[in-house]
Amino acid sequence: MTQRQTPTGQLGEIGILLVGPKFPENIGASARIASNFGISELVVVSEESYDQERMLKMATHKAAHLIHGMRICRTVAEAAAPFHCIVGTTARQGRRRLQDQTPREVMAEIVPMLAGNRIGLMFGPEDSGLSNEDLDFCQFASTIPTAGFSSLNLAQAVAIHCYELYTAVHPHPFAGVPKSDLANSFDMEGMYEHVEEALGEINFLRDTNRIYWMRNIRQFLGRVKLKKKEASLIRGICRRFLWHSRREQGLECRTEVSAHRPEETAQ
């Protein structure tokens, strides 16, 4: 019997249960997806053996530990035994089946149960899905809404459910990332001064339209929500442009003066 991986993170007590998968590649891909979202247990229900190399190829080295440590069971009852709650995934509907919910709806109900309980996500064979007998072990049924054609690859279904569970647990997954350093009013006003000066240099702005165009430019750049470094970049471009423009004007002036300078008479 394989040893279960030590749970880590908030989804460490989640298990992926694959009932009668047809292709070892789908097992490997499911392992990779589980690892992506911090899920530490993979269970396969089958009386067959699978080519480990084909599973590992899809799992990649990042999820190889799930393939090496996956639990193989002969029956759904054996696979389901350690779990307090199981979500069965199905595309089929019927009067005797559990009430169908979307993955997002199901995960919202699952999240409060995560503390201290082992939760299983159960997926059926690629060709037929879970049977009514398989769903008897489940407390929830999840159906992925699609536009008519309801058949999804096994690994795709695993990915959607893992993603929905992860986002239900982490509603703001990037909250720890520092917020953008937006330019403040001081930064923006300095930038506008340089923009106005540069546009005046090329006569794009004249006294008759200066206020009109600068107001439009302010409204446009204000909607962009520039960061400090971006406002500084624009100021730098304007400064460089002004330097080149005035340098060229200076050269032209010196050339004109030189051209009109009277020649020195010989002594």
C-alpha atoms as a PDB file:
ATOM      1  CA  MET A   1       0.000   0.000   0.000  1.00  0.00           C
ATOM      2  CA  THR A   2       1.377   3.434  -0.938  1.00  0.00           C
ATOM      3  CA  GLN A   3       1.997   6.054   1.701  1.00  0.00           C
ATOM      4  CA  ARG A   4      -0.164   9.169   1.577  1.00  0.00           C
ATOM      5  CA  GLN A   5       1.688  12.434   1.060  1.00  0.00           C
ATOM      6  CA  THR A   6       1.893  14.798   4.010  1.00  0.00           C
ATOM      7  CA  PRO A   7      -0.841  17.436   3.556  1.00  0.00           C
ATOM      8  CA  THR A   8       0.370  20.975   2.968  1.00  0.00           C
ATOM      9  CA  GLY A   9      -1.644  24.194   2.675  1.00  0.00           C
ATOM     10  CA  GLN A  10      -5.391  24.695   2.876  1.00  0.00           C
ATOM     11  CA  LEU A  11      -6.117  22.103   0.176  1.00  0.00           C
ATOM     12  CA  GLY A  12      -3.846  19.483   1.677  1.00  0.00           C
ATOM     13  CA  GLU A  13      -6.815  17.431   2.887  1.00  0.00           C
ATOM     14  CA  ILE A  14      -8.368  17.302  -0.595  1.00  0.00           C
ATOM     15  CA  GLY A  15      -8.138  14.110  -2.638  1.00  0.00           C
ATOM     16  CA  ILE A  16      -8.670  13.529  -6.361  1.00  0.00           C
ATOM     17  CA  LEU A  17     -10.474  10.228  -6.998  1.00  0.00           C
ATOM     18  CA  LEU A  18     -10.328   8.864 -10.547  1.00  0.00           C
ATOM     19  CA  VAL A  19     -12.740   5.997 -11.136  1.00  0.00           C
ATOM     20  CA  GLY A  20     -11.757   3.685 -13.999  1.00  0.00           C
ATOM     21  CA  PRO A  21      -9.663   6.103 -16.067  1.00  0.00           C
ATOM     22  CA  LYS A  22      -8.904   4.757 -19.542  1.00  0.00           C
ATOM     23  CA  PHE A  23      -5.592   6.429 -20.288  1.00  0.00           C
ATOM     24  CA  PRO A  24      -2.480   6.733 -18.105  1.00  0.00           C
ATOM     25  CA  GLU A  25      -1.817  10.155 -19.643  1.00  0.00           C
ATOM     26  CA  ASN A  26      -5.007  11.466 -18.060  1.00  0.00           C
ATOM     27  CA  ILE A  27      -3.876  10.224 -14.676  1.00  0.00           C
ATOM     28  CA  GLY A  28      -0.552  12.000 -15.095  1.00  0.00           C
ATOM     29  CA  ALA A  29      -2.205  15.225 -16.255  1.00  0.00           C
ATOM     30  CA  SER A  30      -4.607  15.086 -13.297  1.00  0.00           C
ATOM     31  CA  ALA A  31      -1.664  14.670 -10.938  1.00  0.00           C
ATOM     32  CA  ARG A  32       0.015  17.719 -12.412  1.00  0.00           C
ATOM     33  CA  ILE A  33      -3.151  19.790 -12.002  1.00  0.00           C
ATOM     34  CA  ALA A  34      -3.607  18.611  -8.417  1.00  0.00           C
ATOM     35  CA  SER A  35      -0.029  19.640  -7.646  1.00  0.00           C
ATOM     36  CA  ASN A  36      -0.622  23.061  -9.255  1.00  0.00           C
ATOM     37  CA  PHE A  37      -3.340  23.767  -6.708  1.00  0.00           C
ATOM     38  CA  GLY A  38      -1.683  22.255  -3.646  1.00  0.00           C
ATOM     39  CA  ILE A  39      -3.691  19.005  -3.531  1.00  0.00           C
ATOM     40  CA  SER A  40      -1.632  16.201  -2.050  1.00  0.00           C
ATOM     41  CA  GLU A  41      -3.592  12.995  -2.683  1.00  0.00           C
ATOM     42  CA  LEU A  42      -4.426  11.049  -5.821  1.00  0.00           C
ATOM     43  CA  VAL A  43      -6.590   7.919  -5.725  1.00  0.00           C
ATOM     44  CA  VAL A  44      -7.267   5.641  -8.705  1.00  0.00           C
ATOM     45  CA  VAL A  45     -10.043   3.042  -8.713  1.00  0.00           C
ATOM     46  CA  SER A  46      -9.214   0.252 -11.138  1.00  0.00           C
ATOM     47  CA  GLU A  47      -8.375  -3.405 -11.407  1.00  0.00           C
ATOM     48  CA  GLU A  48      -5.945  -2.625 -14.197  1.00  0.00           C
ATOM     49  CA  SER A  49      -2.350  -1.478 -13.942  1.00  0.00           C
ATOM     50  CA  TYR A  50      -1.133   1.614 -15.773  1.00  0.00           C
ATOM     51  CA  ASP A  51       2.114   2.396 -17.550  1.00  0.00           C
ATOM     52  CA  GLN A  52       3.999   4.481 -15.035  1.00  0.00           C
ATOM     53  CA  GLU A  53       6.263   6.129 -17.600  1.00  0.00           C
ATOM     54  CA  ARG A  54       3.266   7.427 -19.537  1.00  0.00           C
ATOM     55  CA  MET A  55       1.779   8.818 -16.334  1.00  0.00           C
ATOM     56  CA  LEU A  56       5.046  10.435 -15.263  1.00  0.00           C
ATOM     57  CA  LYS A  57       5.545  12.022 -18.662  1.00  0.00           C
ATOM     58  CA  MET A  58       2.315  13.998 -18.273  1.00  0.00           C
ATOM     59  CA  ALA A  59       2.758  14.640 -14.568  1.00  0.00           C
ATOM     60  CA  THR A  60       6.256  16.117 -15.086  1.00  0.00           C
ATOM     61  CA  HIS A  61       8.793  16.059 -12.269  1.00  0.00           C
ATOM     62  CA  LYS A  62       6.743  18.619 -10.304  1.00  0.00           C
ATOM     63  CA  ALA A  63       3.949  16.103  -9.697  1.00  0.00           C
ATOM     64  CA  ALA A  64       5.922  12.848  -9.891  1.00  0.00           C
ATOM     65  CA  HIS A  65       5.500  12.424  -6.129  1.00  0.00           C
ATOM     66  CA  LEU A  66       1.720  12.117  -6.609  1.00  0.00           C
ATOM     67  CA  ILE A  67       2.169   9.330  -9.144  1.00  0.00           C
ATOM     68  CA  HIS A  68       4.649   7.468  -6.933  1.00  0.00           C
ATOM     69  CA  GLY A  69       2.393   7.905  -3.904  1.00  0.00           C
ATOM     70  CA  MET A  70      -1.047   7.451  -5.434  1.00  0.00           C
ATOM     71  CA  ARG A  71      -3.431   5.042  -3.755  1.00  0.00           C
ATOM     72  CA  ILE A  72      -4.834   2.304  -6.012  1.00  0.00           C
ATOM     73  CA  CYS A  73      -8.155   0.768  -4.963  1.00  0.00           C
ATOM     74  CA  ARG A  74     -10.235  -2.020  -6.408  1.00  0.00           C
ATOM     75  CA  THR A  75     -13.630  -0.527  -5.501  1.00  0.00           C
ATOM     76  CA  VAL A  76     -15.180   2.889  -5.116  1.00  0.00           C
ATOM     77  CA  ALA A  77     -16.158   1.976  -1.556  1.00  0.00           C
ATOM     78  CA  GLU A  78     -12.506   1.390  -0.668  1.00  0.00           C
ATOM     79  CA  ALA A  79     -11.442   4.666  -2.291  1.00  0.00           C
ATOM     80  CA  ALA A  80     -14.205   6.667  -0.610  1.00  0.00           C
ATOM     81  CA  ALA A  81     -13.730   5.212   2.881  1.00  0.00           C
ATOM     82  CA  PRO A  82     -11.307   7.846   4.341  1.00  0.00           C
ATOM     83  CA  PHE A  83     -13.271  10.858   3.113  1.00  0.00           C
ATOM     84  CA  HIS A  84     -15.880  12.743   5.131  1.00  0.00           C
ATOM     85  CA  CYS A  85     -17.462  14.337   2.080  1.00  0.00           C
ATOM     86  CA  ILE A  86     -17.230  13.593  -1.656  1.00  0.00           C
ATOM     87  CA  VAL A  87     -18.172  15.691  -4.662  1.00  0.00           C
ATOM     88  CA  GLY A  88     -19.158  13.597  -7.672  1.00  0.00           C
ATOM     89  CA  THR A  89     -18.730  15.142 -11.094  1.00  0.00           C
ATOM     90  CA  THR A  90     -21.251  14.305 -13.777  1.00  0.00           C
ATOM     91  CA  ALA A  91     -22.636  15.598 -17.054  1.00  0.00           C
ATOM     92  CA  ARG A  92     -25.712  13.376 -16.857  1.00  0.00           C
ATOM     93  CA  GLN A  93     -28.929  14.290 -15.122  1.00  0.00           C
ATOM     94  CA  GLY A  94     -31.737  12.176 -13.778  1.00  0.00           C
ATOM     95  CA  ARG A  95     -34.540  12.156 -11.249  1.00  0.00           C
ATOM     96  CA  ARG A  96     -32.683   9.754  -8.978  1.00  0.00           C
ATOM     97  CA  ARG A  97     -29.415  11.642  -9.091  1.00  0.00           C
ATOM     98  CA  LEU A  98     -28.201  14.278  -6.675  1.00  0.00           C
ATOM     99  CA  GLN A  99     -29.180  17.866  -7.321  1.00  0.00           C
ATOM    100  CA  ASP A 100     -26.795  19.244  -9.931  1.00  0.00           C
ATOM    101  CA  GLN A 101     -24.838  22.375  -9.117  1.00  0.00           C
ATOM    102  CA  THR A 102     -22.056  24.178 -10.931  1.00  0.00           C
ATOM    103  CA  PRO A 103     -18.504  23.661  -9.613  1.00  0.00           C
ATOM    104  CA  ARG A 104     -18.542  27.199  -8.231  1.00  0.00           C
ATOM    105  CA  GLU A 105     -21.758  26.613  -6.304  1.00  0.00           C
ATOM    106  CA  VAL A 106     -20.508  23.325  -4.890  1.00  0.00           C
ATOM    107  CA  MET A 107     -17.147  24.723  -3.801  1.00  0.00           C
ATOM    108  CA  ALA A 108     -18.841  27.576  -1.943  1.00  0.00           C
ATOM    109  CA  GLU A 109     -20.578  24.928   0.167  1.00  0.00           C
ATOM    110  CA  ILE A 110     -17.447  22.826   0.567  1.00  0.00           C
ATOM    111  CA  VAL A 111     -15.157  25.577   1.881  1.00  0.00           C
ATOM    112  CA  PRO A 112     -16.688  25.747   5.413  1.00  0.00           C
ATOM    113  CA  MET A 113     -16.156  21.990   5.710  1.00  0.00           C
ATOM    114  CA  LEU A 114     -12.435  22.007   4.918  1.00  0.00           C
ATOM    115  CA  ALA A 115     -11.247  22.493   8.482  1.00  0.00           C
ATOM    116  CA  GLY A 116     -10.767  19.041  10.005  1.00  0.00           C
ATOM    117  CA  ASN A 117     -12.501  17.097   7.213  1.00  0.00           C
ATOM    118  CA  ARG A 118     -11.129  15.181   4.259  1.00  0.00           C
ATOM    119  CA  ILE A 119     -12.876  16.123   1.025  1.00  0.00           C
ATOM    120  CA  GLY A 120     -12.800  14.056  -2.169  1.00  0.00           C
ATOM    121  CA  LEU A 121     -13.419  15.153  -5.760  1.00  0.00           C
ATOM    122  CA  MET A 122     -14.549  12.105  -7.729  1.00  0.00           C
ATOM    123  CA  PHE A 123     -14.332  11.783 -11.527  1.00  0.00           C
ATOM    124  CA  GLY A 124     -15.625   8.954 -13.676  1.00  0.00           C
ATOM    125  CA  PRO A 125     -14.276   7.192 -16.793  1.00  0.00           C
ATOM    126  CA  GLU A 126     -13.674   9.314 -19.881  1.00  0.00           C
ATOM    127  CA  ASP A 127     -16.335   7.533 -21.936  1.00  0.00           C
ATOM    128  CA  SER A 128     -19.211   7.110 -19.493  1.00  0.00           C
ATOM    129  CA  GLY A 129     -18.665   9.185 -16.356  1.00  0.00           C
ATOM    130  CA  LEU A 130     -19.751   8.171 -12.876  1.00  0.00           C
ATOM    131  CA  SER A 131     -22.569   5.653 -12.516  1.00  0.00           C
ATOM    132  CA  ASN A 132     -25.515   6.037 -10.157  1.00  0.00           C
ATOM    133  CA  GLU A 133     -23.820   3.505  -7.886  1.00  0.00           C
ATOM    134  CA  ASP A 134     -20.665   5.630  -7.805  1.00  0.00           C
ATOM    135  CA  LEU A 135     -22.696   8.739  -6.997  1.00  0.00           C
ATOM    136  CA  ASP A 136     -24.244   6.928  -4.032  1.00  0.00           C
ATOM    137  CA  PHE A 137     -20.961   7.582  -2.227  1.00  0.00           C
ATOM    138  CA  CYS A 138     -21.177  11.325  -2.942  1.00  0.00           C
ATOM    139  CA  GLN A 139     -22.867  14.101  -0.995  1.00  0.00           C
ATOM    140  CA  PHE A 140     -22.682  16.667  -3.816  1.00  0.00           C
ATOM    141  CA  ALA A 141     -22.982  16.481  -7.606  1.00  0.00           C
ATOM    142  CA  SER A 142     -21.146  18.993  -9.772  1.00  0.00           C
ATOM    143  CA  THR A 143     -21.890  19.625 -13.435  1.00  0.00           C
ATOM    144  CA  ILE A 144     -19.759  21.908 -15.604  1.00  0.00           C
ATOM    145  CA  PRO A 145     -22.061  24.087 -17.719  1.00  0.00           C
ATOM    146  CA  THR A 146     -21.184  23.992 -21.405  1.00  0.00           C
ATOM    147  CA  ALA A 147     -22.621  25.342 -24.646  1.00  0.00           C
ATOM    148  CA  GLY A 148     -24.368  22.203 -25.879  1.00  0.00           C
ATOM    149  CA  PHE A 149     -21.464  19.756 -26.158  1.00  0.00           C
ATOM    150  CA  SER A 150     -21.055  18.580 -22.567  1.00  0.00           C
ATOM    151  CA  SER A 151     -18.182  16.116 -22.961  1.00  0.00           C
ATOM    152  CA  LEU A 152     -14.863  17.304 -21.497  1.00  0.00           C
ATOM    153  CA  ASN A 153     -11.504  15.615 -21.238  1.00  0.00           C
ATOM    154  CA  LEU A 154     -10.924  14.093 -17.803  1.00  0.00           C
ATOM    155  CA  ALA A 155      -7.953  16.332 -17.029  1.00  0.00           C
ATOM    156  CA  GLN A 156      -9.940  19.399 -18.128  1.00  0.00           C
ATOM    157  CA  ALA A 157     -12.716  18.533 -15.705  1.00  0.00           C
ATOM    158  CA  VAL A 158     -10.170  18.036 -12.912  1.00  0.00           C
ATOM    159  CA  ALA A 159      -8.604  21.408 -13.712  1.00  0.00           C
ATOM    160  CA  ILE A 160     -11.908  23.290 -13.614  1.00  0.00           C
ATOM    161  CA  HIS A 161     -12.905  21.806 -10.257  1.00  0.00           C
ATOM    162  CA  CYS A 162      -9.486  22.349  -8.691  1.00  0.00           C
ATOM    163  CA  TYR A 163      -9.464  25.936  -9.900  1.00  0.00           C
ATOM    164  CA  GLU A 164     -12.943  26.665  -8.550  1.00  0.00           C
ATOM    165  CA  LEU A 165     -12.052  25.146  -5.183  1.00  0.00           C
ATOM    166  CA  TYR A 166      -8.795  27.079  -5.008  1.00  0.00           C
ATOM    167  CA  THR A 167     -10.461  30.407  -5.789  1.00  0.00           C
ATOM    168  CA  ALA A 168     -13.232  29.673  -3.289  1.00  0.00           C
ATOM    169  CA  VAL A 169     -10.569  29.212  -0.610  1.00  0.00           C
ATOM    170  CA  HIS A 170      -8.434  32.119  -1.873  1.00  0.00           C
ATOM    171  CA  PRO A 171     -10.935  34.723  -3.146  1.00  0.00           C
ATOM    172  CA  HIS A 172      -8.086  37.212  -3.620  1.00  0.00           C
ATOM    173  CA  PRO A 173      -5.134  34.972  -4.616  1.00  0.00           C
ATOM    174  CA  PHE A 174      -2.834  37.913  -5.394  1.00  0.00           C
ATOM    175  CA  ALA A 175      -3.662  39.958  -2.296  1.00  0.00           C
ATOM    176  CA  GLY A 176      -0.129  39.497  -0.972  1.00  0.00           C
ATOM    177  CA  VAL A 177       1.427  41.136  -4.031  1.00  0.00           C
ATOM    178  CA  PRO A 178       2.277  44.834  -3.439  1.00  0.00           C
ATOM    179  CA  LYS A 179      -0.169  47.201  -5.069  1.00  0.00           C
ATOM    180  CA  SER A 180       0.883  49.223  -8.082  1.00  0.00           C
ATOM    181  CA  ASP A 181       2.758  52.394  -7.221  1.00  0.00           C
ATOM    182  CA  LEU A 182       0.432  54.866  -8.908  1.00  0.00           C
ATOM    183  CA  ALA A 183       1.633  58.355  -9.757  1.00  0.00           C
ATOM    184  CA  ASN A 184       0.288  60.968  -7.338  1.00  0.00           C
ATOM    185  CA  SER A 185      -0.940  64.441  -8.233  1.00  0.00           C
ATOM    186  CA  PHE A 186       2.538  65.933  -7.856  1.00  0.00           C
ATOM    187  CA  ASP A 187       3.965  63.389 -10.314  1.00  0.00           C
ATOM    188  CA  MET A 188       1.141  63.926 -12.790  1.00  0.00           C
ATOM    189  CA  GLU A 189       1.302  67.714 -12.701  1.00  0.00           C
ATOM    190  CA  GLY A 190       5.043  67.638 -13.334  1.00  0.00           C
ATOM    191  CA  MET A 191       4.459  65.313 -16.255  1.00  0.00           C
ATOM    192  CA  TYR A 192       1.718  67.530 -17.698  1.00  0.00           C
ATOM    193  CA  GLU A 193       4.050  70.526 -17.561  1.00  0.00           C
ATOM    194  CA  HIS A 194       6.656  68.694 -19.587  1.00  0.00           C
ATOM    195  CA  VAL A 195       4.057  67.395 -22.057  1.00  0.00           C
ATOM    196  CA  GLU A 196       2.669  70.898 -22.535  1.00  0.00           C
ATOM    197  CA  GLU A 197       6.145  72.339 -23.005  1.00  0.00           C
ATOM    198  CA  ALA A 198       7.113  69.680 -25.567  1.00  0.00           C
ATOM    199  CA  LEU A 199       3.878  70.060 -27.553  1.00  0.00           C
ATOM    200  CA  GLY A 200       4.315  73.818 -27.532  1.00  0.00           C
ATOM    201  CA  GLU A 201       7.819  73.365 -28.908  1.00  0.00           C
ATOM    202  CA  ILE A 202       6.446  71.772 -32.084  1.00  0.00           C
ATOM    203  CA  ASN A 203       3.532  74.253 -32.303  1.00  0.00           C
ATOM    204  CA  PHE A 204       0.959  71.530 -31.679  1.00  0.00           C
ATOM    205  CA  LEU A 205      -0.316  73.788 -28.895  1.00  0.00           C
ATOM    206  CA  ARG A 206      -1.050  77.408 -29.611  1.00  0.00           C
ATOM    207  CA  ASP A 207      -2.480  80.104 -27.393  1.00  0.00           C
ATOM    208  CA  THR A 208      -5.887  79.627 -29.027  1.00  0.00           C
ATOM    209  CA  ASN A 209      -6.174  75.882 -28.370  1.00  0.00           C
ATOM    210  CA  ARG A 210      -3.753  75.208 -25.502  1.00  0.00           C
ATOM    211  CA  ILE A 211      -6.391  74.855 -22.771  1.00  0.00           C
ATOM    212  CA  TYR A 212      -8.652  72.668 -24.937  1.00  0.00           C
ATOM    213  CA  TRP A 213      -5.953  70.176 -25.946  1.00  0.00           C
ATOM    214  CA  MET A 214      -4.299  69.993 -22.542  1.00  0.00           C
ATOM    215  CA  ARG A 215      -7.663  69.242 -20.936  1.00  0.00           C
ATOM    216  CA  ASN A 216      -8.189  66.367 -23.382  1.00  0.00           C
ATOM    217  CA  ILE A 217      -4.655  65.081 -22.753  1.00  0.00           C
ATOM    218  CA  ARG A 218      -5.239  65.238 -19.003  1.00  0.00           C
ATOM    219  CA  GLN A 219      -8.466  63.280 -19.297  1.00  0.00           C
ATOM    220  CA  PHE A 220      -6.831  60.638 -21.478  1.00  0.00           C
ATOM    221  CA  LEU A 221      -3.701  60.132 -19.345  1.00  0.00           C
ATOM    222  CA  GLY A 222      -5.783  60.335 -16.162  1.00  0.00           C
ATOM    223  CA  ARG A 223      -7.811  57.298 -17.253  1.00  0.00           C
ATOM    224  CA  VAL A 224      -4.655  55.266 -17.869  1.00  0.00           C
ATOM    225  CA  LYS A 225      -3.755  55.218 -14.136  1.00  0.00           C
ATOM    226  CA  LEU A 226      -0.057  55.728 -14.704  1.00  0.00           C
ATOM    227  CA  LYS A 227       2.492  54.456 -12.227  1.00  0.00           C
ATOM    228  CA  LYS A 228       5.207  56.722 -10.849  1.00  0.00           C
ATOM    229  CA  LYS A 229       7.868  55.197 -13.074  1.00  0.00           C
ATOM    230  CA  GLU A 230       5.631  55.572 -16.152  1.00  0.00           C
ATOM    231  CA  ALA A 231       4.965  59.252 -15.460  1.00  0.00           C
ATOM    232  CA  SER A 232       8.710  59.692 -14.953  1.00  0.00           C
ATOM    233  CA  LEU A 233       9.354  57.930 -18.271  1.00  0.00           C
ATOM    234  CA  ILE A 234       7.060  60.322 -20.133  1.00  0.00           C
ATOM    235  CA  ARG A 235       8.791  63.296 -18.486  1.00  0.00           C
ATOM    236  CA  GLY A 236      12.155  61.873 -19.515  1.00  0.00           C
ATOM    237  CA  ILE A 237      11.022  61.531 -23.139  1.00  0.00           C
ATOM    238  CA  CYS A 238       9.773  65.126 -23.153  1.00  0.00           C
ATOM    239  CA  ARG A 239      12.997  66.436 -21.623  1.00  0.00           C
ATOM    240  CA  ARG A 240      15.066  64.576 -24.209  1.00  0.00           C
ATOM    241  CA  PHE A 241      12.887  65.855 -27.017  1.00  0.00           C
ATOM    242  CA  LEU A 242      13.209  69.461 -25.789  1.00  0.00           C
ATOM    243  CA  TRP A 243      16.979  69.091 -25.448  1.00  0.00           C
ATOM    244  CA  HIS A 244      17.348  67.847 -29.024  1.00  0.00           C
ATOM    245  CA  SER A 245      14.964  70.453 -30.392  1.00  0.00           C
ATOM    246  CA  ARG A 246      16.732  73.363 -28.694  1.00  0.00           C
ATOM    247  CA  ARG A 247      20.135  71.956 -29.556  1.00  0.00           C
ATOM    248  CA  GLU A 248      19.155  71.850 -33.240  1.00  0.00           C
ATOM    249  CA  GLN A 249      17.803  75.378 -33.010  1.00  0.00           C
ATOM    250  CA  GLY A 250      21.056  76.504 -31.419  1.00  0.00           C
ATOM    251  CA  LEU A 251      23.098  74.907 -34.181  1.00  0.00           C
ATOM    252  CA  GLU A 252      20.946  76.568 -36.816  1.00  0.00           C
ATOM    253  CA  CYS A 253      21.374  79.953 -35.151  1.00  0.00           C
ATOM    254  CA  ARG A 254      25.149  79.546 -34.996  1.00  0.00           C
ATOM    255  CA  THR A 255      25.206  78.464 -38.637  1.00  0.00           C
ATOM    256  CA  GLU A 256      23.219  81.512 -39.685  1.00  0.00           C
ATOM    257  CA  VAL A 257      25.470  83.857 -37.702  1.00  0.00           C
ATOM    258  CA  SER A 258      28.553  82.214 -39.212  1.00  0.00           C
ATOM    259  CA  ALA A 259      27.119  82.508 -42.708  1.00  0.00           C
ATOM    260  CA  HIS A 260      26.478  86.245 -42.322  1.00  0.00           C
ATOM    261  CA  ARG A 261      29.754  87.091 -40.568  1.00  0.00           C
ATOM    262  CA  PRO A 262      31.810  89.502 -42.725  1.00  0.00           C
ATOM    263  CA  GLU A 263      35.078  88.091 -43.915  1.00  0.00           C
ATOM    264  CA  GLU A 264      38.184  89.488 -42.274  1.00  0.00           C
ATOM    265  CA  THR A 265      40.263  91.646 -44.537  1.00  0.00           C
ATOM    266  CA  ALA A 266      43.836  90.806 -44.968  1.00  0.00           C
ATOM    267  CA  GLN A 267      46.297  93.045 -43.184  1.00  0.00           C
END
